[in-house]
Amino acid sequence: MVVRRSLTQPRQSVFTAGGSVVPLNEGPASHLSYLHATVQMTARCTSTLAEIAEDQRVEGTHDLTRLMRVIENDRLFVLIDEPQLKAARSQLEDEIGPQLTTLLERSEKAIDALDTKEQSLRSRIASVKASQAAAATKAAETAAASGAARRGDARRLQLLQSRRQRAERELEAVEAEARQLETELMKG
């Protein structure tokens, strides 16, 4: 038996009319308090869910900057095979090889030039020392032989002493230059 209901009347509720169920015939005013309580509960649930979601978002993304750097550095660990490595090495040797040989030749020539300059400075030092010693002995012989009373000899003695001082200054300058060259050779 099929029972047809009218569209103008609401269907009967399966719940009994007692307890917490509000009958439909009381009107919309009685349901407003329940509706308001439902909205408040929904708002509290939503705020709680928002707090939980925010906590999880912060917890999940606090390390994001470090992870992004790790992901970006992925390119550093890309492996290549042996033929690619050999090709890159040979290309680099072809590009840099001639420049390296030129620089090595230039540095060897510069070292040779510094060695010859050092030898010439050493010989100059030896000759200055020898001339200084000869001038000193000659001045001593001249002063002892003629005596200090003669005026010309005193002038000559002053001249020889000034030459000796000049020779000593030259010797110091040459020795300083030799020390400088030695330090340059040690650094190079």
N, C-alpha and C. Protein backbone atom coordinates (compact mmCIF):
# COMPACT_ATOMS: atom_id res chain seq x y z
N MET A 1 0.82 -1.15 0.00
CA MET A 1 0.00 0.00 0.00
C MET A 1 0.88 1.23 0.00
N VAL A 2 0.62 2.05 -0.94
CA VAL A 2 1.41 3.26 -1.12
C VAL A 2 0.62 4.42 -0.57
N VAL A 3 1.26 5.12 0.29
CA VAL A 3 0.60 6.27 0.90
C VAL A 3 1.22 7.50 0.28
N ARG A 4 0.36 8.33 -0.22
CA ARG A 4 0.81 9.57 -0.82
C ARG A 4 0.58 10.69 0.13
N ARG A 5 1.59 11.47 0.31
CA ARG A 5 1.45 12.58 1.23
C ARG A 5 1.22 13.84 0.47
N SER A 6 0.63 14.71 1.10
CA SER A 6 0.35 16.01 0.50
C SER A 6 1.58 16.88 0.66
N LEU A 7 1.83 17.72 -0.31
CA LEU A 7 2.98 18.63 -0.26
C LEU A 7 2.73 19.82 0.66
N THR A 8 1.55 20.04 1.04
CA THR A 8 1.24 21.19 1.90
C THR A 8 1.47 20.88 3.36
N GLN A 9 1.46 19.65 3.73
CA GLN A 9 1.67 19.29 5.13
C GLN A 9 3.06 18.68 5.29
N PRO A 10 3.70 19.03 6.39
CA PRO A 10 5.02 18.43 6.60
C PRO A 10 4.87 16.99 7.03
N ARG A 11 5.90 16.23 6.81
CA ARG A 11 5.84 14.83 7.20
C ARG A 11 6.01 14.69 8.69
N GLN A 12 5.59 13.64 9.18
CA GLN A 12 5.67 13.39 10.61
C GLN A 12 7.10 13.01 10.98
N SER A 13 7.56 13.51 12.12
CA SER A 13 8.91 13.22 12.58
C SER A 13 8.95 11.84 13.18
N VAL A 14 10.07 11.18 13.02
CA VAL A 14 10.23 9.86 13.61
C VAL A 14 10.62 9.97 15.06
N PHE A 15 11.04 11.18 15.49
CA PHE A 15 11.42 11.39 16.88
C PHE A 15 10.19 11.73 17.69
N THR A 16 10.23 11.37 18.91
CA THR A 16 9.11 11.68 19.79
C THR A 16 9.14 13.14 20.17
N ALA A 17 8.09 13.66 20.61
CA ALA A 17 7.97 15.08 20.90
C ALA A 17 8.46 15.42 22.30
N GLY A 18 9.19 14.59 22.97
CA GLY A 18 9.66 14.89 24.31
C GLY A 18 11.17 15.13 24.31
N GLY A 19 11.74 15.45 25.45
CA GLY A 19 13.18 15.63 25.59
C GLY A 19 13.66 16.93 25.00
N SER A 20 14.74 16.88 24.26
CA SER A 20 15.36 18.11 23.76
C SER A 20 14.89 18.48 22.37
N VAL A 21 14.02 17.69 21.80
CA VAL A 21 13.54 18.00 20.46
C VAL A 21 12.42 19.00 20.57
N VAL A 22 12.51 20.05 19.78
CA VAL A 22 11.50 21.11 19.79
C VAL A 22 10.50 20.80 18.70
N PRO A 23 9.21 20.83 19.04
CA PRO A 23 8.20 20.57 18.01
C PRO A 23 8.21 21.67 16.97
N LEU A 24 7.79 21.34 15.77
CA LEU A 24 7.82 22.28 14.65
C LEU A 24 6.75 23.36 14.77
N ASN A 25 5.73 23.13 15.53
CA ASN A 25 4.64 24.09 15.56
C ASN A 25 4.90 25.27 16.49
N GLU A 26 6.05 25.34 17.15
CA GLU A 26 6.32 26.45 18.04
C GLU A 26 6.78 27.68 17.28
N GLY A 27 7.24 27.57 16.06
CA GLY A 27 7.62 28.73 15.24
C GLY A 27 9.12 29.00 15.26
N PRO A 28 9.54 29.93 14.44
CA PRO A 28 10.98 30.20 14.28
C PRO A 28 11.61 30.89 15.48
N ALA A 29 10.87 31.59 16.31
CA ALA A 29 11.44 32.31 17.45
C ALA A 29 12.04 31.36 18.45
N SER A 30 11.48 30.21 18.62
CA SER A 30 12.01 29.26 19.60
C SER A 30 13.31 28.62 19.11
N HIS A 31 13.54 28.61 17.81
CA HIS A 31 14.74 27.98 17.26
C HIS A 31 15.92 28.93 17.23
N LEU A 32 15.70 30.22 17.43
CA LEU A 32 16.80 31.19 17.34
C LEU A 32 17.86 30.97 18.40
N SER A 33 17.46 30.60 19.60
CA SER A 33 18.47 30.38 20.65
C SER A 33 19.35 29.18 20.29
N TYR A 34 18.74 28.15 19.72
CA TYR A 34 19.52 26.99 19.30
C TYR A 34 20.44 27.36 18.13
N LEU A 35 19.93 28.16 17.24
CA LEU A 35 20.72 28.60 16.09
C LEU A 35 21.91 29.44 16.56
N HIS A 36 21.68 30.34 17.51
CA HIS A 36 22.75 31.18 18.03
C HIS A 36 23.82 30.33 18.72
N ALA A 37 23.42 29.34 19.50
CA ALA A 37 24.37 28.45 20.17
C ALA A 37 25.17 27.65 19.15
N THR A 38 24.51 27.23 18.08
CA THR A 38 25.20 26.48 17.03
C THR A 38 26.25 27.34 16.34
N VAL A 39 25.90 28.60 16.06
CA VAL A 39 26.84 29.52 15.41
C VAL A 39 28.05 29.76 16.31
N GLN A 40 27.82 29.95 17.61
CA GLN A 40 28.92 30.18 18.54
C GLN A 40 29.83 28.96 18.63
N MET A 41 29.23 27.79 18.67
CA MET A 41 30.03 26.56 18.74
C MET A 41 30.84 26.38 17.46
N THR A 42 30.21 26.68 16.33
CA THR A 42 30.92 26.59 15.05
C THR A 42 32.09 27.57 15.01
N ALA A 43 31.88 28.79 15.53
CA ALA A 43 32.96 29.79 15.57
C ALA A 43 34.10 29.32 16.46
N ARG A 44 33.79 28.74 17.62
CA ARG A 44 34.84 28.22 18.50
C ARG A 44 35.61 27.09 17.84
N CYS A 45 34.88 26.19 17.19
CA CYS A 45 35.54 25.08 16.49
C CYS A 45 36.45 25.60 15.37
N THR A 46 35.95 26.61 14.66
CA THR A 46 36.73 27.19 13.57
C THR A 46 38.00 27.85 14.09
N SER A 47 37.90 28.61 15.19
CA SER A 47 39.09 29.26 15.74
C SER A 47 40.08 28.23 16.27
N THR A 48 39.56 27.16 16.88
CA THR A 48 40.45 26.10 17.36
C THR A 48 41.16 25.43 16.19
N LEU A 49 40.40 25.14 15.13
CA LEU A 49 41.01 24.54 13.94
C LEU A 49 42.04 25.48 13.31
N ALA A 50 41.75 26.79 13.33
CA ALA A 50 42.70 27.76 12.77
C ALA A 50 43.99 27.79 13.58
N GLU A 51 43.87 27.74 14.92
CA GLU A 51 45.07 27.71 15.76
C GLU A 51 45.89 26.45 15.51
N ILE A 52 45.20 25.32 15.41
CA ILE A 52 45.90 24.06 15.15
C ILE A 52 46.58 24.11 13.79
N ALA A 53 45.88 24.62 12.79
CA ALA A 53 46.45 24.71 11.44
C ALA A 53 47.66 25.64 11.43
N GLU A 54 47.59 26.77 12.15
CA GLU A 54 48.71 27.72 12.21
C GLU A 54 49.91 27.08 12.90
N ASP A 55 49.66 26.35 14.00
CA ASP A 55 50.75 25.67 14.69
C ASP A 55 51.42 24.65 13.78
N GLN A 56 50.61 23.89 13.06
CA GLN A 56 51.17 22.89 12.15
C GLN A 56 51.92 23.55 10.99
N ARG A 57 51.42 24.70 10.51
CA ARG A 57 52.10 25.40 9.42
C ARG A 57 53.46 25.91 9.88
N VAL A 58 53.49 26.51 11.07
CA VAL A 58 54.76 27.02 11.59
C VAL A 58 55.73 25.87 11.83
N GLU A 59 55.22 24.80 12.42
CA GLU A 59 56.08 23.65 12.69
C GLU A 59 56.59 23.02 11.40
N GLY A 60 55.76 23.02 10.39
CA GLY A 60 56.15 22.39 9.13
C GLY A 60 57.05 23.25 8.26
N THR A 61 57.02 24.57 8.45
CA THR A 61 57.78 25.45 7.55
C THR A 61 58.88 26.22 8.25
N HIS A 62 59.16 25.97 9.52
CA HIS A 62 60.21 26.74 10.20
C HIS A 62 61.58 26.46 9.61
N ASP A 63 61.78 25.34 8.98
CA ASP A 63 63.07 24.96 8.41
C ASP A 63 63.09 25.14 6.89
N LEU A 64 62.15 25.90 6.37
CA LEU A 64 62.00 26.03 4.91
C LEU A 64 63.21 26.68 4.26
N THR A 65 63.80 27.71 4.87
CA THR A 65 64.94 28.40 4.24
C THR A 65 66.13 27.46 4.11
N ARG A 66 66.40 26.68 5.14
CA ARG A 66 67.52 25.73 5.06
C ARG A 66 67.25 24.67 4.00
N LEU A 67 66.02 24.18 3.96
CA LEU A 67 65.68 23.17 2.97
C LEU A 67 65.78 23.72 1.55
N MET A 68 65.42 24.98 1.36
CA MET A 68 65.54 25.59 0.03
C MET A 68 67.01 25.66 -0.39
N ARG A 69 67.90 26.00 0.55
CA ARG A 69 69.33 26.03 0.22
C ARG A 69 69.82 24.63 -0.13
N VAL A 70 69.34 23.63 0.60
CA VAL A 70 69.76 22.26 0.31
C VAL A 70 69.28 21.85 -1.08
N ILE A 71 68.06 22.20 -1.41
CA ILE A 71 67.52 21.85 -2.73
C ILE A 71 68.27 22.59 -3.82
N GLU A 72 68.62 23.87 -3.59
CA GLU A 72 69.37 24.63 -4.59
C GLU A 72 70.75 24.04 -4.80
N ASN A 73 71.37 23.52 -3.75
CA ASN A 73 72.71 22.95 -3.85
C ASN A 73 72.71 21.58 -4.51
N ASP A 74 71.56 21.12 -4.91
CA ASP A 74 71.45 19.83 -5.58
C ASP A 74 72.33 19.79 -6.82
N ARG A 75 72.52 20.95 -7.47
CA ARG A 75 73.32 21.00 -8.68
C ARG A 75 74.78 20.70 -8.42
N LEU A 76 75.25 20.87 -7.19
CA LEU A 76 76.65 20.60 -6.89
C LEU A 76 76.96 19.11 -6.91
N PHE A 77 75.96 18.32 -6.74
CA PHE A 77 76.19 16.90 -6.61
C PHE A 77 75.76 16.11 -7.85
N VAL A 78 75.63 16.80 -8.96
CA VAL A 78 75.27 16.12 -10.19
C VAL A 78 76.50 15.34 -10.65
N LEU A 79 76.35 14.07 -10.88
CA LEU A 79 77.47 13.23 -11.28
C LEU A 79 77.60 13.22 -12.79
N ILE A 80 78.86 13.23 -13.25
CA ILE A 80 79.11 13.14 -14.69
C ILE A 80 79.93 11.89 -14.95
N ASP A 81 79.88 11.43 -16.16
CA ASP A 81 80.61 10.22 -16.48
C ASP A 81 82.04 10.57 -16.91
N GLU A 82 82.87 9.56 -17.05
CA GLU A 82 84.31 9.73 -17.33
C GLU A 82 84.59 10.42 -18.66
N PRO A 83 83.90 10.09 -19.75
CA PRO A 83 84.19 10.80 -21.02
C PRO A 83 83.91 12.30 -20.94
N GLN A 84 82.86 12.69 -20.24
CA GLN A 84 82.59 14.12 -20.09
C GLN A 84 83.70 14.80 -19.30
N LEU A 85 84.18 14.13 -18.26
CA LEU A 85 85.26 14.68 -17.46
C LEU A 85 86.53 14.85 -18.28
N LYS A 86 86.87 13.84 -19.08
CA LYS A 86 88.07 13.93 -19.92
C LYS A 86 87.93 15.02 -20.96
N ALA A 87 86.75 15.17 -21.52
CA ALA A 87 86.53 16.22 -22.53
C ALA A 87 86.68 17.60 -21.89
N ALA A 88 86.13 17.78 -20.71
CA ALA A 88 86.25 19.08 -20.03
C ALA A 88 87.69 19.37 -19.65
N ARG A 89 88.41 18.34 -19.20
CA ARG A 89 89.82 18.53 -18.82
C ARG A 89 90.66 18.90 -20.04
N SER A 90 90.45 18.21 -21.15
CA SER A 90 91.23 18.53 -22.35
C SER A 90 90.89 19.92 -22.88
N GLN A 91 89.64 20.31 -22.79
CA GLN A 91 89.26 21.66 -23.22
C GLN A 91 89.93 22.72 -22.34
N LEU A 92 89.97 22.47 -21.05
CA LEU A 92 90.62 23.40 -20.14
C LEU A 92 92.13 23.47 -20.40
N GLU A 93 92.75 22.32 -20.67
CA GLU A 93 94.18 22.32 -20.99
C GLU A 93 94.45 23.06 -22.28
N ASP A 94 93.57 22.91 -23.27
CA ASP A 94 93.75 23.63 -24.53
C ASP A 94 93.62 25.14 -24.34
N GLU A 95 92.72 25.56 -23.45
CA GLU A 95 92.52 26.99 -23.23
C GLU A 95 93.64 27.61 -22.40
N ILE A 96 94.08 26.91 -21.36
CA ILE A 96 95.01 27.49 -20.41
C ILE A 96 96.46 27.10 -20.69
N GLY A 97 96.69 25.99 -21.36
CA GLY A 97 98.03 25.47 -21.58
C GLY A 97 99.02 26.46 -22.16
N PRO A 98 98.71 27.12 -23.30
CA PRO A 98 99.68 28.07 -23.87
C PRO A 98 99.99 29.24 -22.93
N GLN A 99 99.01 29.70 -22.23
CA GLN A 99 99.25 30.81 -21.30
C GLN A 99 100.16 30.37 -20.16
N LEU A 100 99.96 29.14 -19.67
CA LEU A 100 100.81 28.65 -18.59
C LEU A 100 102.26 28.50 -19.04
N THR A 101 102.48 27.96 -20.23
CA THR A 101 103.86 27.80 -20.71
C THR A 101 104.52 29.16 -20.90
N THR A 102 103.77 30.13 -21.42
CA THR A 102 104.32 31.49 -21.59
C THR A 102 104.69 32.09 -20.24
N LEU A 103 103.82 31.94 -19.26
CA LEU A 103 104.11 32.48 -17.93
C LEU A 103 105.32 31.79 -17.29
N LEU A 104 105.43 30.48 -17.48
CA LEU A 104 106.58 29.76 -16.93
C LEU A 104 107.88 30.22 -17.57
N GLU A 105 107.88 30.41 -18.90
CA GLU A 105 109.08 30.88 -19.58
C GLU A 105 109.46 32.28 -19.10
N ARG A 106 108.46 33.15 -18.95
CA ARG A 106 108.74 34.51 -18.49
C ARG A 106 109.31 34.50 -17.07
N SER A 107 108.75 33.65 -16.21
CA SER A 107 109.25 33.60 -14.83
C SER A 107 110.68 33.05 -14.79
N GLU A 108 111.00 32.06 -15.62
CA GLU A 108 112.36 31.53 -15.65
C GLU A 108 113.34 32.60 -16.14
N LYS A 109 112.95 33.37 -17.15
CA LYS A 109 113.82 34.46 -17.63
C LYS A 109 114.01 35.51 -16.55
N ALA A 110 112.94 35.84 -15.83
CA ALA A 110 113.06 36.83 -14.76
C ALA A 110 113.97 36.34 -13.64
N ILE A 111 113.89 35.06 -13.31
CA ILE A 111 114.77 34.49 -12.28
C ILE A 111 116.21 34.54 -12.74
N ASP A 112 116.47 34.19 -14.01
CA ASP A 112 117.83 34.27 -14.54
C ASP A 112 118.36 35.70 -14.50
N ALA A 113 117.52 36.66 -14.87
CA ALA A 113 117.94 38.07 -14.84
C ALA A 113 118.26 38.51 -13.42
N LEU A 114 117.44 38.08 -12.46
CA LEU A 114 117.71 38.43 -11.06
C LEU A 114 118.99 37.78 -10.56
N ASP A 115 119.27 36.56 -11.01
CA ASP A 115 120.52 35.90 -10.62
C ASP A 115 121.73 36.65 -11.15
N THR A 116 121.68 37.06 -12.43
CA THR A 116 122.82 37.81 -12.99
C THR A 116 122.97 39.16 -12.29
N LYS A 117 121.87 39.79 -11.98
CA LYS A 117 121.94 41.08 -11.28
C LYS A 117 122.53 40.89 -9.89
N GLU A 118 122.16 39.81 -9.23
CA GLU A 118 122.72 39.52 -7.91
C GLU A 118 124.23 39.31 -8.00
N GLN A 119 124.68 38.56 -9.02
CA GLN A 119 126.11 38.33 -9.19
C GLN A 119 126.85 39.63 -9.45
N SER A 120 126.26 40.50 -10.29
CA SER A 120 126.93 41.78 -10.57
C SER A 120 126.99 42.65 -9.32
N LEU A 121 125.92 42.62 -8.52
CA LEU A 121 125.94 43.39 -7.28
C LEU A 121 126.98 42.85 -6.30
N ARG A 122 127.10 41.54 -6.24
CA ARG A 122 128.11 40.96 -5.35
C ARG A 122 129.52 41.35 -5.80
N SER A 123 129.75 41.36 -7.11
CA SER A 123 131.07 41.77 -7.60
C SER A 123 131.32 43.25 -7.34
N ARG A 124 130.26 44.06 -7.46
CA ARG A 124 130.41 45.49 -7.15
C ARG A 124 130.73 45.69 -5.68
N ILE A 125 130.10 44.91 -4.82
CA ILE A 125 130.39 45.00 -3.39
C ILE A 125 131.84 44.65 -3.12
N ALA A 126 132.29 43.58 -3.76
CA ALA A 126 133.69 43.18 -3.56
C ALA A 126 134.65 44.25 -4.06
N SER A 127 134.36 44.85 -5.22
CA SER A 127 135.26 45.89 -5.74
C SER A 127 135.23 47.14 -4.87
N VAL A 128 134.06 47.51 -4.35
CA VAL A 128 133.97 48.68 -3.47
C VAL A 128 134.74 48.42 -2.19
N LYS A 129 134.63 47.22 -1.64
CA LYS A 129 135.38 46.89 -0.43
C LYS A 129 136.88 46.95 -0.69
N ALA A 130 137.29 46.44 -1.84
CA ALA A 130 138.72 46.45 -2.17
C ALA A 130 139.22 47.88 -2.35
N SER A 131 138.46 48.70 -3.07
CA SER A 131 138.89 50.09 -3.26
C SER A 131 138.88 50.85 -1.95
N GLN A 132 137.95 50.53 -1.09
CA GLN A 132 137.87 51.18 0.21
C GLN A 132 139.09 50.81 1.06
N ALA A 133 139.44 49.54 1.03
CA ALA A 133 140.61 49.10 1.79
C ALA A 133 141.88 49.73 1.22
N ALA A 134 141.97 49.81 -0.11
CA ALA A 134 143.15 50.42 -0.73
C ALA A 134 143.24 51.90 -0.39
N ALA A 135 142.11 52.59 -0.42
CA ALA A 135 142.12 54.02 -0.08
C ALA A 135 142.50 54.23 1.37
N ALA A 136 142.05 53.37 2.25
CA ALA A 136 142.38 53.51 3.67
C ALA A 136 143.87 53.28 3.90
N THR A 137 144.43 52.26 3.26
CA THR A 137 145.87 52.01 3.43
C THR A 137 146.69 53.12 2.81
N LYS A 138 146.25 53.63 1.67
CA LYS A 138 146.97 54.72 1.01
C LYS A 138 146.92 55.98 1.86
N ALA A 139 145.77 56.27 2.46
CA ALA A 139 145.65 57.44 3.33
C ALA A 139 146.52 57.29 4.56
N ALA A 140 146.58 56.10 5.11
CA ALA A 140 147.41 55.87 6.28
C ALA A 140 148.88 56.02 5.94
N GLU A 141 149.28 55.49 4.78
CA GLU A 141 150.68 55.62 4.35
C GLU A 141 151.04 57.08 4.09
N THR A 142 150.14 57.82 3.46
CA THR A 142 150.39 59.22 3.15
C THR A 142 150.50 60.03 4.43
N ALA A 143 149.63 59.79 5.37
CA ALA A 143 149.64 60.54 6.62
C ALA A 143 150.88 60.21 7.44
N ALA A 144 151.30 58.97 7.45
CA ALA A 144 152.46 58.56 8.24
C ALA A 144 153.75 59.06 7.60
N ALA A 145 153.82 59.06 6.28
CA ALA A 145 155.06 59.41 5.58
C ALA A 145 155.36 60.90 5.64
N SER A 146 154.42 61.72 5.45
CA SER A 146 154.71 63.16 5.31
C SER A 146 154.54 63.95 6.59
N GLY A 147 153.69 63.50 7.49
CA GLY A 147 153.48 64.23 8.73
C GLY A 147 152.25 65.11 8.63
N ALA A 148 151.72 65.43 9.78
CA ALA A 148 150.47 66.17 9.83
C ALA A 148 150.70 67.66 9.74
N ALA A 149 151.91 68.13 9.81
CA ALA A 149 152.18 69.56 9.84
C ALA A 149 151.98 70.21 8.48
N ARG A 150 152.16 69.51 7.44
CA ARG A 150 152.05 70.12 6.11
C ARG A 150 150.59 70.34 5.77
N ARG A 151 150.33 71.48 5.23
CA ARG A 151 148.97 71.89 4.93
C ARG A 151 148.38 71.10 3.76
N GLY A 152 149.11 70.83 2.74
CA GLY A 152 148.63 70.08 1.58
C GLY A 152 148.24 68.67 1.94
N ASP A 153 149.02 68.09 2.85
CA ASP A 153 148.70 66.72 3.27
C ASP A 153 147.39 66.68 4.08
N ALA A 154 147.15 67.71 4.87
CA ALA A 154 145.90 67.75 5.64
C ALA A 154 144.70 67.83 4.70
N ARG A 155 144.87 68.64 3.65
CA ARG A 155 143.78 68.74 2.66
C ARG A 155 143.57 67.41 1.97
N ARG A 156 144.66 66.76 1.61
CA ARG A 156 144.58 65.46 0.95
C ARG A 156 143.95 64.43 1.89
N LEU A 157 144.31 64.50 3.16
CA LEU A 157 143.74 63.59 4.14
C LEU A 157 142.22 63.78 4.25
N GLN A 158 141.76 65.03 4.26
CA GLN A 158 140.32 65.29 4.30
C GLN A 158 139.64 64.76 3.05
N LEU A 159 140.28 64.95 1.90
CA LEU A 159 139.74 64.45 0.64
C LEU A 159 139.61 62.93 0.67
N LEU A 160 140.64 62.27 1.15
CA LEU A 160 140.59 60.81 1.22
C LEU A 160 139.53 60.33 2.22
N GLN A 161 139.40 61.05 3.33
CA GLN A 161 138.36 60.66 4.30
C GLN A 161 136.96 60.83 3.72
N SER A 162 136.75 61.92 2.96
CA SER A 162 135.43 62.11 2.34
C SER A 162 135.16 61.02 1.29
N ARG A 163 136.21 60.64 0.55
CA ARG A 163 136.05 59.54 -0.42
C ARG A 163 135.70 58.24 0.30
N ARG A 164 136.39 58.03 1.42
CA ARG A 164 136.13 56.81 2.18
C ARG A 164 134.67 56.79 2.67
N GLN A 165 134.18 57.91 3.19
CA GLN A 165 132.80 57.97 3.66
C GLN A 165 131.82 57.74 2.51
N ARG A 166 132.12 58.34 1.35
CA ARG A 166 131.26 58.15 0.18
C ARG A 166 131.26 56.68 -0.24
N ALA A 167 132.44 56.05 -0.21
CA ALA A 167 132.54 54.64 -0.58
C ALA A 167 131.76 53.77 0.42
N GLU A 168 131.81 54.13 1.70
CA GLU A 168 131.04 53.37 2.70
C GLU A 168 129.54 53.50 2.46
N ARG A 169 129.08 54.72 2.11
CA ARG A 169 127.66 54.90 1.81
C ARG A 169 127.25 54.08 0.59
N GLU A 170 128.11 54.09 -0.45
CA GLU A 170 127.82 53.28 -1.65
C GLU A 170 127.74 51.80 -1.29
N LEU A 171 128.67 51.38 -0.44
CA LEU A 171 128.68 49.99 -0.02
C LEU A 171 127.39 49.63 0.71
N GLU A 172 126.94 50.48 1.61
CA GLU A 172 125.69 50.22 2.33
C GLU A 172 124.50 50.17 1.37
N ALA A 173 124.49 51.08 0.37
CA ALA A 173 123.38 51.08 -0.59
C ALA A 173 123.39 49.80 -1.41
N VAL A 174 124.57 49.37 -1.85
CA VAL A 174 124.66 48.15 -2.66
C VAL A 174 124.27 46.94 -1.82
N GLU A 175 124.71 46.89 -0.56
CA GLU A 175 124.33 45.76 0.30
C GLU A 175 122.83 45.74 0.55
N ALA A 176 122.22 46.91 0.72
CA ALA A 176 120.76 46.96 0.91
C ALA A 176 120.05 46.46 -0.34
N GLU A 177 120.55 46.84 -1.50
CA GLU A 177 119.94 46.38 -2.75
C GLU A 177 120.10 44.87 -2.90
N ALA A 178 121.27 44.35 -2.49
CA ALA A 178 121.48 42.90 -2.56
C ALA A 178 120.53 42.17 -1.61
N ARG A 179 120.33 42.72 -0.41
CA ARG A 179 119.38 42.09 0.52
C ARG A 179 117.97 42.10 -0.04
N GLN A 180 117.62 43.21 -0.67
CA GLN A 180 116.28 43.31 -1.26
C GLN A 180 116.10 42.27 -2.36
N LEU A 181 117.12 42.11 -3.20
CA LEU A 181 117.03 41.10 -4.26
C LEU A 181 116.95 39.69 -3.68
N GLU A 182 117.69 39.44 -2.61
CA GLU A 182 117.62 38.13 -1.98
C GLU A 182 116.21 37.84 -1.45
N THR A 183 115.59 38.85 -0.84
CA THR A 183 114.23 38.64 -0.33
C THR A 183 113.26 38.43 -1.48
N GLU A 184 113.46 39.13 -2.60
CA GLU A 184 112.59 38.91 -3.77
C GLU A 184 112.76 37.50 -4.30
N LEU A 185 114.01 37.02 -4.33
CA LEU A 185 114.25 35.65 -4.81
C LEU A 185 113.63 34.63 -3.87
N MET A 186 113.68 34.89 -2.58
CA MET A 186 113.08 33.96 -1.62
C MET A 186 111.57 33.92 -1.77
N LYS A 187 110.97 35.08 -2.03
CA LYS A 187 109.51 35.12 -2.20
C LYS A 187 109.11 34.46 -3.50
N GLY A 188 109.85 34.68 -4.55
CA GLY A 188 109.51 34.16 -5.88
C GLY A 188 109.76 32.72 -5.95
